[in-house]
Amino acid sequence: MNYNLLYAILFSLTSFGFFKLHKWWLKARNESRDSKSFTFAGALKHWIIIIGLAIAALINFFKAIE
């Protein structure tokens, strides 16, 4: 059975959920006025994860329609 479409949907939902958590984390971080260098490093790490999940979703989606 081909689960690539299911994986694409799950990766998409995970990417969107992680994006929303990232925005919530960044808002709380900016309100508390913590160190900006840690905020930048954390934001960069989160964006790498979000983009990686989105790429995985696209790869699985194209495998599913192949």
PDB file of N, CA and C in Angstrom:
ATOM      1  N   MET A   1       0.835  -1.176   0.000  1.00  0.00           N
ATOM      2  CA  MET A   1       0.000   0.000   0.000  1.00  0.00           C
ATOM      3  C   MET A   1       0.889   1.252   0.000  1.00  0.00           C
ATOM      4  N   ASN A   2       0.442   2.264  -0.701  1.00  0.00           N
ATOM      5  CA  ASN A   2       1.217   3.487  -0.851  1.00  0.00           C
ATOM      6  C   ASN A   2       0.775   4.512   0.201  1.00  0.00           C
ATOM      7  N   TYR A   3       1.677   4.810   1.121  1.00  0.00           N
ATOM      8  CA  TYR A   3       1.376   5.751   2.196  1.00  0.00           C
ATOM      9  C   TYR A   3       1.967   7.133   1.967  1.00  0.00           C
ATOM     10  N   ASN A   4       2.499   7.390   0.789  1.00  0.00           N
ATOM     11  CA  ASN A   4       3.174   8.664   0.547  1.00  0.00           C
ATOM     12  C   ASN A   4       2.238   9.862   0.691  1.00  0.00           C
ATOM     13  N   LEU A   5       0.998   9.735   0.265  1.00  0.00           N
ATOM     14  CA  LEU A   5       0.058  10.849   0.407  1.00  0.00           C
ATOM     15  C   LEU A   5      -0.239  11.115   1.887  1.00  0.00           C
ATOM     16  N   LEU A   6      -0.393  10.056   2.659  1.00  0.00           N
ATOM     17  CA  LEU A   6      -0.606  10.215   4.098  1.00  0.00           C
ATOM     18  C   LEU A   6       0.601  10.890   4.748  1.00  0.00           C
ATOM     19  N   TYR A   7       1.801  10.469   4.368  1.00  0.00           N
ATOM     20  CA  TYR A   7       3.019  11.095   4.905  1.00  0.00           C
ATOM     21  C   TYR A   7       3.103  12.563   4.510  1.00  0.00           C
ATOM     22  N   ALA A   8       2.712  12.885   3.289  1.00  0.00           N
ATOM     23  CA  ALA A   8       2.735  14.278   2.839  1.00  0.00           C
ATOM     24  C   ALA A   8       1.779  15.126   3.670  1.00  0.00           C
ATOM     25  N   ILE A   9       0.603  14.610   3.937  1.00  0.00           N
ATOM     26  CA  ILE A   9      -0.367  15.342   4.750  1.00  0.00           C
ATOM     27  C   ILE A   9       0.147  15.509   6.176  1.00  0.00           C
ATOM     28  N   LEU A  10       0.704  14.445   6.737  1.00  0.00           N
ATOM     29  CA  LEU A  10       1.227  14.528   8.102  1.00  0.00           C
ATOM     30  C   LEU A  10       2.405  15.488   8.204  1.00  0.00           C
ATOM     31  N   PHE A  11       3.315  15.455   7.227  1.00  0.00           N
ATOM     32  CA  PHE A  11       4.439  16.401   7.235  1.00  0.00           C
ATOM     33  C   PHE A  11       3.937  17.831   7.089  1.00  0.00           C
ATOM     34  N   SER A  12       2.921  18.049   6.270  1.00  0.00           N
ATOM     35  CA  SER A  12       2.359  19.394   6.097  1.00  0.00           C
ATOM     36  C   SER A  12       1.735  19.904   7.392  1.00  0.00           C
ATOM     37  N   LEU A  13       0.954  19.063   8.043  1.00  0.00           N
ATOM     38  CA  LEU A  13       0.342  19.456   9.305  1.00  0.00           C
ATOM     39  C   LEU A  13       1.384  19.712  10.389  1.00  0.00           C
ATOM     40  N   THR A  14       2.418  18.887  10.420  1.00  0.00           N
ATOM     41  CA  THR A  14       3.484  19.073  11.393  1.00  0.00           C
ATOM     42  C   THR A  14       4.243  20.366  11.130  1.00  0.00           C
ATOM     43  N   SER A  15       4.510  20.647   9.866  1.00  0.00           N
ATOM     44  CA  SER A  15       5.196  21.883   9.511  1.00  0.00           C
ATOM     45  C   SER A  15       4.364  23.097   9.904  1.00  0.00           C
ATOM     46  N   PHE A  16       3.071  23.074   9.625  1.00  0.00           N
ATOM     47  CA  PHE A  16       2.200  24.183   9.988  1.00  0.00           C
ATOM     48  C   PHE A  16       2.102  24.336  11.511  1.00  0.00           C
ATOM     49  N   GLY A  17       1.966  23.220  12.215  1.00  0.00           N
ATOM     50  CA  GLY A  17       1.905  23.266  13.675  1.00  0.00           C
ATOM     51  C   GLY A  17       3.193  23.802  14.285  1.00  0.00           C
ATOM     52  N   PHE A  18       4.321  23.381  13.753  1.00  0.00           N
ATOM     53  CA  PHE A  18       5.602  23.868  14.258  1.00  0.00           C
ATOM     54  C   PHE A  18       5.761  25.353  13.953  1.00  0.00           C
ATOM     55  N   PHE A  19       5.252  25.800  12.800  1.00  0.00           N
ATOM     56  CA  PHE A  19       5.281  27.225  12.463  1.00  0.00           C
ATOM     57  C   PHE A  19       4.472  28.040  13.474  1.00  0.00           C
ATOM     58  N   LYS A  20       3.283  27.555  13.826  1.00  0.00           N
ATOM     59  CA  LYS A  20       2.460  28.262  14.804  1.00  0.00           C
ATOM     60  C   LYS A  20       3.145  28.283  16.176  1.00  0.00           C
ATOM     61  N   LEU A  21       3.750  27.178  16.578  1.00  0.00           N
ATOM     62  CA  LEU A  21       4.484  27.152  17.845  1.00  0.00           C
ATOM     63  C   LEU A  21       5.674  28.105  17.812  1.00  0.00           C
ATOM     64  N   HIS A  22       6.339  28.191  16.669  1.00  0.00           N
ATOM     65  CA  HIS A  22       7.467  29.098  16.527  1.00  0.00           C
ATOM     66  C   HIS A  22       7.013  30.544  16.702  1.00  0.00           C
ATOM     67  N   LYS A  23       5.901  30.916  16.088  1.00  0.00           N
ATOM     68  CA  LYS A  23       5.390  32.281  16.227  1.00  0.00           C
ATOM     69  C   LYS A  23       5.026  32.585  17.679  1.00  0.00           C
ATOM     70  N   TRP A  24       4.423  31.620  18.375  1.00  0.00           N
ATOM     71  CA  TRP A  24       4.071  31.787  19.770  1.00  0.00           C
ATOM     72  C   TRP A  24       5.328  31.945  20.630  1.00  0.00           C
ATOM     73  N   TRP A  25       6.339  31.100  20.366  1.00  0.00           N
ATOM     74  CA  TRP A  25       7.603  31.172  21.092  1.00  0.00           C
ATOM     75  C   TRP A  25       8.291  32.509  20.856  1.00  0.00           C
ATOM     76  N   LEU A  26       8.320  32.981  19.619  1.00  0.00           N
ATOM     77  CA  LEU A  26       8.993  34.227  19.282  1.00  0.00           C
ATOM     78  C   LEU A  26       8.291  35.422  19.928  1.00  0.00           C
ATOM     79  N   LYS A  27       6.973  35.403  19.962  1.00  0.00           N
ATOM     80  CA  LYS A  27       6.236  36.494  20.592  1.00  0.00           C
ATOM     81  C   LYS A  27       6.532  36.542  22.091  1.00  0.00           C
ATOM     82  N   ALA A  28       6.505  35.392  22.743  1.00  0.00           N
ATOM     83  CA  ALA A  28       6.801  35.343  24.179  1.00  0.00           C
ATOM     84  C   ALA A  28       8.251  35.742  24.451  1.00  0.00           C
ATOM     85  N   ARG A  29       9.141  35.343  23.568  1.00  0.00           N
ATOM     86  CA  ARG A  29      10.562  35.658  23.734  1.00  0.00           C
ATOM     87  C   ARG A  29      10.817  37.161  23.584  1.00  0.00           C
ATOM     88  N   ASN A  30      10.152  37.794  22.621  1.00  0.00           N
ATOM     89  CA  ASN A  30      10.319  39.235  22.412  1.00  0.00           C
ATOM     90  C   ASN A  30       9.702  40.059  23.540  1.00  0.00           C
ATOM     91  N   GLU A  31       8.615  39.552  24.116  1.00  0.00           N
ATOM     92  CA  GLU A  31       7.982  40.268  25.219  1.00  0.00           C
ATOM     93  C   GLU A  31       8.824  40.214  26.486  1.00  0.00           C
ATOM     94  N   SER A  32       9.583  39.158  26.670  1.00  0.00           N
ATOM     95  CA  SER A  32      10.389  39.025  27.884  1.00  0.00           C
ATOM     96  C   SER A  32      11.742  39.718  27.765  1.00  0.00           C
ATOM     97  N   ARG A  33      12.097  40.179  26.584  1.00  0.00           N
ATOM     98  CA  ARG A  33      13.344  40.926  26.342  1.00  0.00           C
ATOM     99  C   ARG A  33      14.586  40.120  26.713  1.00  0.00           C
ATOM    100  N   ASP A  34      14.578  38.849  26.355  1.00  0.00           N
ATOM    101  CA  ASP A  34      15.766  38.020  26.574  1.00  0.00           C
ATOM    102  C   ASP A  34      16.831  38.358  25.545  1.00  0.00           C
ATOM    103  N   SER A  35      17.935  37.682  25.643  1.00  0.00           N
ATOM    104  CA  SER A  35      19.062  37.932  24.746  1.00  0.00           C
ATOM    105  C   SER A  35      18.663  37.707  23.296  1.00  0.00           C
ATOM    106  N   LYS A  36      18.974  38.671  22.453  1.00  0.00           N
ATOM    107  CA  LYS A  36      18.601  38.594  21.041  1.00  0.00           C
ATOM    108  C   LYS A  36      19.435  37.552  20.286  1.00  0.00           C
ATOM    109  N   SER A  37      20.658  37.285  20.740  1.00  0.00           N
ATOM    110  CA  SER A  37      21.472  36.295  20.030  1.00  0.00           C
ATOM    111  C   SER A  37      20.866  34.901  20.163  1.00  0.00           C
ATOM    112  N   PHE A  38      20.343  34.567  21.336  1.00  0.00           N
ATOM    113  CA  PHE A  38      19.698  33.274  21.502  1.00  0.00           C
ATOM    114  C   PHE A  38      18.377  33.226  20.735  1.00  0.00           C
ATOM    115  N   THR A  39      17.695  34.359  20.657  1.00  0.00           N
ATOM    116  CA  THR A  39      16.451  34.412  19.890  1.00  0.00           C
ATOM    117  C   THR A  39      16.731  34.170  18.411  1.00  0.00           C
ATOM    118  N   PHE A  40      17.792  34.786  17.885  1.00  0.00           N
ATOM    119  CA  PHE A  40      18.136  34.586  16.476  1.00  0.00           C
ATOM    120  C   PHE A  40      18.542  33.138  16.211  1.00  0.00           C
ATOM    121  N   ALA A  41      19.345  32.559  17.098  1.00  0.00           N
ATOM    122  CA  ALA A  41      19.775  31.174  16.910  1.00  0.00           C
ATOM    123  C   ALA A  41      18.589  30.214  16.989  1.00  0.00           C
ATOM    124  N   GLY A  42      17.696  30.456  17.923  1.00  0.00           N
ATOM    125  CA  GLY A  42      16.513  29.607  18.046  1.00  0.00           C
ATOM    126  C   GLY A  42      15.589  29.754  16.851  1.00  0.00           C
ATOM    127  N   ALA A  43      15.425  30.988  16.372  1.00  0.00           N
ATOM    128  CA  ALA A  43      14.573  31.226  15.207  1.00  0.00           C
ATOM    129  C   ALA A  43      15.158  30.557  13.966  1.00  0.00           C
ATOM    130  N   LEU A  44      16.464  30.640  13.803  1.00  0.00           N
ATOM    131  CA  LEU A  44      17.114  29.995  12.660  1.00  0.00           C
ATOM    132  C   LEU A  44      16.921  28.486  12.710  1.00  0.00           C
ATOM    133  N   LYS A  45      17.094  27.910  13.887  1.00  0.00           N
ATOM    134  CA  LYS A  45      16.895  26.467  14.053  1.00  0.00           C
ATOM    135  C   LYS A  45      15.461  26.079  13.726  1.00  0.00           C
ATOM    136  N   HIS A  46      14.501  26.871  14.200  1.00  0.00           N
ATOM    137  CA  HIS A  46      13.098  26.569  13.925  1.00  0.00           C
ATOM    138  C   HIS A  46      12.777  26.675  12.442  1.00  0.00           C
ATOM    139  N   TRP A  47      13.308  27.692  11.760  1.00  0.00           N
ATOM    140  CA  TRP A  47      13.046  27.837  10.329  1.00  0.00           C
ATOM    141  C   TRP A  47      13.657  26.690   9.523  1.00  0.00           C
ATOM    142  N   ILE A  48      14.818  26.198   9.948  1.00  0.00           N
ATOM    143  CA  ILE A  48      15.417  25.046   9.265  1.00  0.00           C
ATOM    144  C   ILE A  48      14.521  23.823   9.415  1.00  0.00           C
ATOM    145  N   ILE A  49      13.960  23.630  10.598  1.00  0.00           N
ATOM    146  CA  ILE A  49      13.049  22.495  10.819  1.00  0.00           C
ATOM    147  C   ILE A  49      11.774  22.663  10.000  1.00  0.00           C
ATOM    148  N   ILE A  50      11.202  23.858   9.981  1.00  0.00           N
ATOM    149  CA  ILE A  50       9.965  24.107   9.229  1.00  0.00           C
ATOM    150  C   ILE A  50      10.181  23.879   7.735  1.00  0.00           C
ATOM    151  N   ILE A  51      11.279  24.393   7.198  1.00  0.00           N
ATOM    152  CA  ILE A  51      11.568  24.220   5.769  1.00  0.00           C
ATOM    153  C   ILE A  51      11.851  22.758   5.452  1.00  0.00           C
ATOM    154  N   GLY A  52      12.551  22.067   6.340  1.00  0.00           N
ATOM    155  CA  GLY A  52      12.816  20.645   6.135  1.00  0.00           C
ATOM    156  C   GLY A  52      11.531  19.825   6.104  1.00  0.00           C
ATOM    157  N   LEU A  53      10.618  20.119   7.003  1.00  0.00           N
ATOM    158  CA  LEU A  53       9.334  19.414   7.010  1.00  0.00           C
ATOM    159  C   LEU A  53       8.523  19.722   5.755  1.00  0.00           C
ATOM    160  N   ALA A  54       8.562  20.963   5.298  1.00  0.00           N
ATOM    161  CA  ALA A  54       7.834  21.331   4.078  1.00  0.00           C
ATOM    162  C   ALA A  54       8.421  20.620   2.857  1.00  0.00           C
ATOM    163  N   ILE A  55       9.740  20.518   2.787  1.00  0.00           N
ATOM    164  CA  ILE A  55      10.379  19.809   1.674  1.00  0.00           C
ATOM    165  C   ILE A  55      10.020  18.326   1.712  1.00  0.00           C
ATOM    166  N   ALA A  56      10.015  17.740   2.911  1.00  0.00           N
ATOM    167  CA  ALA A  56       9.632  16.329   3.036  1.00  0.00           C
ATOM    168  C   ALA A  56       8.180  16.124   2.594  1.00  0.00           C
ATOM    169  N   ALA A  57       7.313  17.079   2.925  1.00  0.00           N
ATOM    170  CA  ALA A  57       5.910  16.987   2.495  1.00  0.00           C
ATOM    171  C   ALA A  57       5.805  17.039   0.974  1.00  0.00           C
ATOM    172  N   LEU A  58       6.552  17.946   0.353  1.00  0.00           N
ATOM    173  CA  LEU A  58       6.522  18.043  -1.116  1.00  0.00           C
ATOM    174  C   LEU A  58       7.062  16.783  -1.780  1.00  0.00           C
ATOM    175  N   ILE A  59       8.142  16.248  -1.261  1.00  0.00           N
ATOM    176  CA  ILE A  59       8.725  15.029  -1.837  1.00  0.00           C
ATOM    177  C   ILE A  59       7.722  13.880  -1.766  1.00  0.00           C
ATOM    178  N   ASN A  60       7.096  13.701  -0.605  1.00  0.00           N
ATOM    179  CA  ASN A  60       6.124  12.620  -0.471  1.00  0.00           C
ATOM    180  C   ASN A  60       4.874  12.864  -1.309  1.00  0.00           C
ATOM    181  N   PHE A  61       4.478  14.111  -1.466  1.00  0.00           N
ATOM    182  CA  PHE A  61       3.329  14.415  -2.315  1.00  0.00           C
ATOM    183  C   PHE A  61       3.619  14.050  -3.766  1.00  0.00           C
ATOM    184  N   PHE A  62       4.799  14.421  -4.263  1.00  0.00           N
ATOM    185  CA  PHE A  62       5.132  14.100  -5.649  1.00  0.00           C
ATOM    186  C   PHE A  62       5.342  12.601  -5.859  1.00  0.00           C
ATOM    187  N   LYS A  63       5.806  11.901  -4.842  1.00  0.00           N
ATOM    188  CA  LYS A  63       5.889  10.447  -4.933  1.00  0.00           C
ATOM    189  C   LYS A  63       4.498   9.829  -5.000  1.00  0.00           C
ATOM    190  N   ALA A  64       3.544  10.439  -4.298  1.00  0.00           N
ATOM    191  CA  ALA A  64       2.186   9.897  -4.269  1.00  0.00           C
ATOM    192  C   ALA A  64       1.475  10.073  -5.606  1.00  0.00           C
ATOM    193  N   ILE A  65       1.735  11.183  -6.298  1.00  0.00           N
ATOM    194  CA  ILE A  65       1.044  11.391  -7.576  1.00  0.00           C
ATOM    195  C   ILE A  65       1.794  10.770  -8.746  1.00  0.00           C
ATOM    196  N   GLU A  66       2.957  10.249  -8.508  1.00  0.00           N
ATOM    197  CA  GLU A  66       3.767   9.622  -9.560  1.00  0.00           C
ATOM    198  C   GLU A  66       3.173   8.324 -10.033  1.00  0.00           C
TER     199      GLU A  66
END
